Each structure stands twice: as C-alpha cells, then as structure tokens.
Amino acid sequence: MNNNYIELICDVFSCNKTDISDIKENSGMTNKSYSFVIKNKDKYLIRIPGKGANDLVNRHSEFE
C-alpha cells in the first residue's frame, strides 16, 4: 500500500502520523478511498483518484 496519502492527511489536518488510526482501505473502480480517525475523535474519508479515473468519470457532473 502506498503511504503518500498519510502524508497528505498530515498536511491537510496539521497532525502527526501517530494521530491517525483505524485506517481502512475502500477501493472502488476508479478511486482509492481510505477511512481513518484523527486523534481518536473525528472520522474522515479521503478519496484519491486512480490512474485514468478522469477519463472515465465526469467530475463536474459528479459534483452537481
């Protein structure tokens, strides 16, 4: 498993790697998704587009 997403989480939430727990991978057809908890309190989900995902999914219509 690529751990670049952990660095991204730390940057976004201004936290340390040790603040992140309960990481679960939830992969779909075009994305990698990870649910996680920060500081044993708040639960989040991060979705990272996979290679070629933008060729398959219209992000503008998905947003609407």
PDB file of N, CA and C in Angstrom:
ATOM      1  N   MET A   1       0.840  -1.179   0.000  1.00  0.00           N
ATOM      2  CA  MET A   1       0.000   0.000   0.000  1.00  0.00           C
ATOM      3  C   MET A   1       0.887   1.244   0.000  1.00  0.00           C
ATOM      4  N   ASN A   2       0.572   2.169  -0.856  1.00  0.00           N
ATOM      5  CA  ASN A   2       1.320   3.418  -0.953  1.00  0.00           C
ATOM      6  C   ASN A   2       0.925   4.327   0.204  1.00  0.00           C
ATOM      7  N   ASN A   3       1.885   4.849   0.944  1.00  0.00           N
ATOM      8  CA  ASN A   3       1.594   5.660   2.127  1.00  0.00           C
ATOM      9  C   ASN A   3       1.618   7.159   1.862  1.00  0.00           C
ATOM     10  N   ASN A   4       1.644   7.585   0.594  1.00  0.00           N
ATOM     11  CA  ASN A   4       1.622   9.016   0.301  1.00  0.00           C
ATOM     12  C   ASN A   4       0.364   9.685   0.835  1.00  0.00           C
ATOM     13  N   TYR A   5      -0.723   8.936   0.913  1.00  0.00           N
ATOM     14  CA  TYR A   5      -1.968   9.508   1.411  1.00  0.00           C
ATOM     15  C   TYR A   5      -1.837   9.898   2.892  1.00  0.00           C
ATOM     16  N   ILE A   6      -1.010   9.194   3.649  1.00  0.00           N
ATOM     17  CA  ILE A   6      -0.811   9.541   5.053  1.00  0.00           C
ATOM     18  C   ILE A   6      -0.141  10.905   5.169  1.00  0.00           C
ATOM     19  N   GLU A   7       0.832  11.164   4.321  1.00  0.00           N
ATOM     20  CA  GLU A   7       1.486  12.477   4.317  1.00  0.00           C
ATOM     21  C   GLU A   7       0.491  13.569   3.936  1.00  0.00           C
ATOM     22  N   LEU A   8      -0.381  13.267   2.984  1.00  0.00           N
ATOM     23  CA  LEU A   8      -1.411  14.218   2.576  1.00  0.00           C
ATOM     24  C   LEU A   8      -2.353  14.528   3.737  1.00  0.00           C
ATOM     25  N   ILE A   9      -2.777  13.497   4.446  1.00  0.00           N
ATOM     26  CA  ILE A   9      -3.645  13.689   5.610  1.00  0.00           C
ATOM     27  C   ILE A   9      -2.955  14.567   6.655  1.00  0.00           C
ATOM     28  N   CYS A  10      -1.692  14.287   6.925  1.00  0.00           N
ATOM     29  CA  CYS A  10      -0.941  15.081   7.906  1.00  0.00           C
ATOM     30  C   CYS A  10      -0.848  16.539   7.489  1.00  0.00           C
ATOM     31  N   ASP A  11      -0.634  16.785   6.207  1.00  0.00           N
ATOM     32  CA  ASP A  11      -0.559  18.159   5.706  1.00  0.00           C
ATOM     33  C   ASP A  11      -1.905  18.871   5.843  1.00  0.00           C
ATOM     34  N   VAL A  12      -2.972  18.209   5.450  1.00  0.00           N
ATOM     35  CA  VAL A  12      -4.303  18.831   5.459  1.00  0.00           C
ATOM     36  C   VAL A  12      -4.781  19.115   6.882  1.00  0.00           C
ATOM     37  N   PHE A  13      -4.543  18.168   7.786  1.00  0.00           N
ATOM     38  CA  PHE A  13      -5.067  18.295   9.143  1.00  0.00           C
ATOM     39  C   PHE A  13      -4.032  18.787  10.160  1.00  0.00           C
ATOM     40  N   SER A  14      -2.853  19.115   9.681  1.00  0.00           N
ATOM     41  CA  SER A  14      -1.771  19.582  10.578  1.00  0.00           C
ATOM     42  C   SER A  14      -1.614  18.646  11.774  1.00  0.00           C
ATOM     43  N   CYS A  15      -1.454  17.367  11.448  1.00  0.00           N
ATOM     44  CA  CYS A  15      -1.304  16.375  12.505  1.00  0.00           C
ATOM     45  C   CYS A  15      -0.071  15.510  12.236  1.00  0.00           C
ATOM     46  N   ASN A  16       0.246  14.668  13.195  1.00  0.00           N
ATOM     47  CA  ASN A  16       1.353  13.727  13.059  1.00  0.00           C
ATOM     48  C   ASN A  16       0.817  12.365  12.624  1.00  0.00           C
ATOM     49  N   LYS A  17       1.686  11.545  12.068  1.00  0.00           N
ATOM     50  CA  LYS A  17       1.284  10.197  11.661  1.00  0.00           C
ATOM     51  C   LYS A  17       0.711   9.415  12.828  1.00  0.00           C
ATOM     52  N   THR A  18       1.229   9.653  14.016  1.00  0.00           N
ATOM     53  CA  THR A  18       0.757   8.927  15.197  1.00  0.00           C
ATOM     54  C   THR A  18      -0.644   9.357  15.624  1.00  0.00           C
ATOM     55  N   ASP A  19      -1.148  10.478  15.090  1.00  0.00           N
ATOM     56  CA  ASP A  19      -2.507  10.941  15.393  1.00  0.00           C
ATOM     57  C   ASP A  19      -3.557  10.202  14.571  1.00  0.00           C
ATOM     58  N   ILE A  20      -3.131   9.473  13.546  1.00  0.00           N
ATOM     59  CA  ILE A  20      -4.043   8.801  12.622  1.00  0.00           C
ATOM     60  C   ILE A  20      -4.187   7.339  13.023  1.00  0.00           C
ATOM     61  N   SER A  21      -5.433   6.872  13.112  1.00  0.00           N
ATOM     62  CA  SER A  21      -5.677   5.476  13.482  1.00  0.00           C
ATOM     63  C   SER A  21      -6.856   4.916  12.689  1.00  0.00           C
ATOM     64  N   ASP A  22      -7.090   3.630  12.874  1.00  0.00           N
ATOM     65  CA  ASP A  22      -8.231   2.931  12.257  1.00  0.00           C
ATOM     66  C   ASP A  22      -8.313   3.155  10.747  1.00  0.00           C
ATOM     67  N   ILE A  23      -7.188   3.063  10.052  1.00  0.00           N
ATOM     68  CA  ILE A  23      -7.153   3.263   8.605  1.00  0.00           C
ATOM     69  C   ILE A  23      -7.713   2.022   7.921  1.00  0.00           C
ATOM     70  N   LYS A  24      -8.701   2.245   7.051  1.00  0.00           N
ATOM     71  CA  LYS A  24      -9.300   1.156   6.290  1.00  0.00           C
ATOM     72  C   LYS A  24      -9.338   1.549   4.820  1.00  0.00           C
ATOM     73  N   GLU A  25      -8.880   0.656   3.954  1.00  0.00           N
ATOM     74  CA  GLU A  25      -8.898   0.918   2.516  1.00  0.00           C
ATOM     75  C   GLU A  25     -10.235   0.473   1.951  1.00  0.00           C
ATOM     76  N   ASN A  26     -10.833   1.337   1.133  1.00  0.00           N
ATOM     77  CA  ASN A  26     -12.115   1.067   0.478  1.00  0.00           C
ATOM     78  C   ASN A  26     -11.974   1.429  -0.989  1.00  0.00           C
ATOM     79  N   SER A  27     -11.425   0.536  -1.784  1.00  0.00           N
ATOM     80  CA  SER A  27     -11.161   0.851  -3.186  1.00  0.00           C
ATOM     81  C   SER A  27     -12.388   0.614  -4.044  1.00  0.00           C
ATOM     82  N   GLY A  28     -12.563   1.520  -5.005  1.00  0.00           N
ATOM     83  CA  GLY A  28     -13.629   1.383  -5.978  1.00  0.00           C
ATOM     84  C   GLY A  28     -13.041   1.127  -7.351  1.00  0.00           C
ATOM     85  N   MET A  29     -13.863   1.299  -8.375  1.00  0.00           N
ATOM     86  CA  MET A  29     -13.400   1.055  -9.745  1.00  0.00           C
ATOM     87  C   MET A  29     -12.335   2.049 -10.184  1.00  0.00           C
ATOM     88  N   THR A  30     -12.500   3.315  -9.802  1.00  0.00           N
ATOM     89  CA  THR A  30     -11.593   4.348 -10.295  1.00  0.00           C
ATOM     90  C   THR A  30     -10.828   5.070  -9.198  1.00  0.00           C
ATOM     91  N   ASN A  31     -11.142   4.811  -7.947  1.00  0.00           N
ATOM     92  CA  ASN A  31     -10.530   5.548  -6.839  1.00  0.00           C
ATOM     93  C   ASN A  31      -9.988   4.610  -5.769  1.00  0.00           C
ATOM     94  N   LYS A  32      -9.095   5.156  -4.980  1.00  0.00           N
ATOM     95  CA  LYS A  32      -8.694   4.531  -3.720  1.00  0.00           C
ATOM     96  C   LYS A  32      -9.292   5.421  -2.638  1.00  0.00           C
ATOM     97  N   SER A  33      -9.996   4.832  -1.721  1.00  0.00           N
ATOM     98  CA  SER A  33     -10.576   5.574  -0.609  1.00  0.00           C
ATOM     99  C   SER A  33     -10.071   4.979   0.691  1.00  0.00           C
ATOM    100  N   TYR A  34      -9.841   5.847   1.653  1.00  0.00           N
ATOM    101  CA  TYR A  34      -9.373   5.418   2.958  1.00  0.00           C
ATOM    102  C   TYR A  34     -10.204   6.123   4.016  1.00  0.00           C
ATOM    103  N   SER A  35     -10.782   5.364   4.927  1.00  0.00           N
ATOM    104  CA  SER A  35     -11.410   5.963   6.100  1.00  0.00           C
ATOM    105  C   SER A  35     -10.389   5.922   7.226  1.00  0.00           C
ATOM    106  N   PHE A  36     -10.460   6.898   8.094  1.00  0.00           N
ATOM    107  CA  PHE A  36      -9.479   6.992   9.174  1.00  0.00           C
ATOM    108  C   PHE A  36     -10.019   7.871  10.288  1.00  0.00           C
ATOM    109  N   VAL A  37      -9.383   7.789  11.441  1.00  0.00           N
ATOM    110  CA  VAL A  37      -9.746   8.584  12.613  1.00  0.00           C
ATOM    111  C   VAL A  37      -8.534   9.419  13.005  1.00  0.00           C
ATOM    112  N   ILE A  38      -8.785  10.671  13.366  1.00  0.00           N
ATOM    113  CA  ILE A  38      -7.707  11.548  13.817  1.00  0.00           C
ATOM    114  C   ILE A  38      -7.884  11.815  15.311  1.00  0.00           C
ATOM    115  N   LYS A  39      -6.802  11.604  16.035  1.00  0.00           N
ATOM    116  CA  LYS A  39      -6.747  11.838  17.481  1.00  0.00           C
ATOM    117  C   LYS A  39      -7.863  11.112  18.230  1.00  0.00           C
ATOM    118  N   ASN A  40      -8.179   9.887  17.766  1.00  0.00           N
ATOM    119  CA  ASN A  40      -9.197   9.040  18.404  1.00  0.00           C
ATOM    120  C   ASN A  40     -10.532   9.748  18.591  1.00  0.00           C
ATOM    121  N   LYS A  41     -10.824  10.704  17.685  1.00  0.00           N
ATOM    122  CA  LYS A  41     -12.020  11.510  17.867  1.00  0.00           C
ATOM    123  C   LYS A  41     -12.860  11.615  16.604  1.00  0.00           C
ATOM    124  N   ASP A  42     -12.296  12.211  15.561  1.00  0.00           N
ATOM    125  CA  ASP A  42     -13.057  12.522  14.357  1.00  0.00           C
ATOM    126  C   ASP A  42     -12.757  11.526  13.238  1.00  0.00           C
ATOM    127  N   LYS A  43     -13.818  11.018  12.586  1.00  0.00           N
ATOM    128  CA  LYS A  43     -13.667  10.056  11.498  1.00  0.00           C
ATOM    129  C   LYS A  43     -13.804  10.785  10.158  1.00  0.00           C
ATOM    130  N   TYR A  44     -12.918  10.433   9.212  1.00  0.00           N
ATOM    131  CA  TYR A  44     -12.889  11.076   7.899  1.00  0.00           C
ATOM    132  C   TYR A  44     -12.739  10.025   6.808  1.00  0.00           C
ATOM    133  N   LEU A  45     -12.949  10.483   5.583  1.00  0.00           N
ATOM    134  CA  LEU A  45     -12.744   9.656   4.400  1.00  0.00           C
ATOM    135  C   LEU A  45     -11.990  10.493   3.380  1.00  0.00           C
ATOM    136  N   ILE A  46     -10.940   9.915   2.816  1.00  0.00           N
ATOM    137  CA  ILE A  46     -10.198  10.588   1.749  1.00  0.00           C
ATOM    138  C   ILE A  46     -10.330   9.741   0.493  1.00  0.00           C
ATOM    139  N   ARG A  47     -10.613  10.396  -0.618  1.00  0.00           N
ATOM    140  CA  ARG A  47     -10.751   9.701  -1.893  1.00  0.00           C
ATOM    141  C   ARG A  47      -9.666  10.210  -2.832  1.00  0.00           C
ATOM    142  N   ILE A  48      -8.875   9.271  -3.358  1.00  0.00           N
ATOM    143  CA  ILE A  48      -7.771   9.618  -4.242  1.00  0.00           C
ATOM    144  C   ILE A  48      -8.051   9.007  -5.615  1.00  0.00           C
ATOM    145  N   PRO A  49      -8.212   9.855  -6.641  1.00  0.00           N
ATOM    146  CA  PRO A  49      -8.480   9.325  -7.980  1.00  0.00           C
ATOM    147  C   PRO A  49      -7.356   8.411  -8.454  1.00  0.00           C
ATOM    148  N   GLY A  50      -7.738   7.305  -9.057  1.00  0.00           N
ATOM    149  CA  GLY A  50      -6.771   6.371  -9.608  1.00  0.00           C
ATOM    150  C   GLY A  50      -6.320   6.794 -10.989  1.00  0.00           C
ATOM    151  N   LYS A  51      -5.345   6.083 -11.514  1.00  0.00           N
ATOM    152  CA  LYS A  51      -4.806   6.368 -12.842  1.00  0.00           C
ATOM    153  C   LYS A  51      -5.915   6.201 -13.880  1.00  0.00           C
ATOM    154  N   GLY A  52      -6.109   7.233 -14.689  1.00  0.00           N
ATOM    155  CA  GLY A  52      -7.121   7.197 -15.743  1.00  0.00           C
ATOM    156  C   GLY A  52      -8.532   7.468 -15.265  1.00  0.00           C
ATOM    157  N   ALA A  53      -8.708   7.771 -13.998  1.00  0.00           N
ATOM    158  CA  ALA A  53     -10.051   7.990 -13.452  1.00  0.00           C
ATOM    159  C   ALA A  53     -10.758   9.155 -14.137  1.00  0.00           C
ATOM    160  N   ASN A  54     -10.028  10.214 -14.432  1.00  0.00           N
ATOM    161  CA  ASN A  54     -10.655  11.379 -15.072  1.00  0.00           C
ATOM    162  C   ASN A  54     -11.112  11.091 -16.492  1.00  0.00           C
ATOM    163  N   ASP A  55     -10.595  10.034 -17.103  1.00  0.00           N
ATOM    164  CA  ASP A  55     -11.051   9.643 -18.425  1.00  0.00           C
ATOM    165  C   ASP A  55     -12.391   8.907 -18.354  1.00  0.00           C
ATOM    166  N   LEU A  56     -12.702   8.341 -17.198  1.00  0.00           N
ATOM    167  CA  LEU A  56     -13.912   7.554 -17.025  1.00  0.00           C
ATOM    168  C   LEU A  56     -15.031   8.289 -16.310  1.00  0.00           C
ATOM    169  N   VAL A  57     -14.679   9.265 -15.491  1.00  0.00           N
ATOM    170  CA  VAL A  57     -15.663   9.945 -14.649  1.00  0.00           C
ATOM    171  C   VAL A  57     -15.667  11.431 -14.963  1.00  0.00           C
ATOM    172  N   ASN A  58     -16.851  11.983 -15.156  1.00  0.00           N
ATOM    173  CA  ASN A  58     -17.017  13.421 -15.360  1.00  0.00           C
ATOM    174  C   ASN A  58     -17.141  14.059 -13.981  1.00  0.00           C
ATOM    175  N   ARG A  59     -16.058  14.622 -13.464  1.00  0.00           N
ATOM    176  CA  ARG A  59     -16.051  15.169 -12.101  1.00  0.00           C
ATOM    177  C   ARG A  59     -17.016  16.346 -11.951  1.00  0.00           C
ATOM    178  N   HIS A  60     -17.216  17.113 -13.005  1.00  0.00           N
ATOM    179  CA  HIS A  60     -18.133  18.248 -12.926  1.00  0.00           C
ATOM    180  C   HIS A  60     -19.563  17.760 -12.684  1.00  0.00           C
ATOM    181  N   SER A  61     -20.010  16.772 -13.446  1.00  0.00           N
ATOM    182  CA  SER A  61     -21.375  16.264 -13.244  1.00  0.00           C
ATOM    183  C   SER A  61     -21.497  15.501 -11.934  1.00  0.00           C
ATOM    184  N   GLU A  62     -20.410  14.869 -11.493  1.00  0.00           N
ATOM    185  CA  GLU A  62     -20.413  14.164 -10.210  1.00  0.00           C
ATOM    186  C   GLU A  62     -20.602  15.150  -9.069  1.00  0.00           C
ATOM    187  N   PHE A  63     -20.011  16.331  -9.187  1.00  0.00           N
ATOM    188  CA  PHE A  63     -20.116  17.369  -8.163  1.00  0.00           C
ATOM    189  C   PHE A  63     -21.547  17.869  -8.024  1.00  0.00           C
ATOM    190  N   GLU A  64     -22.243  17.997  -9.151  1.00  0.00           N
ATOM    191  CA  GLU A  64     -23.617  18.511  -9.142  1.00  0.00           C
ATOM    192  C   GLU A  64     -24.507  17.530  -8.469  1.00  0.00           C
TER     193      GLU A  64
END
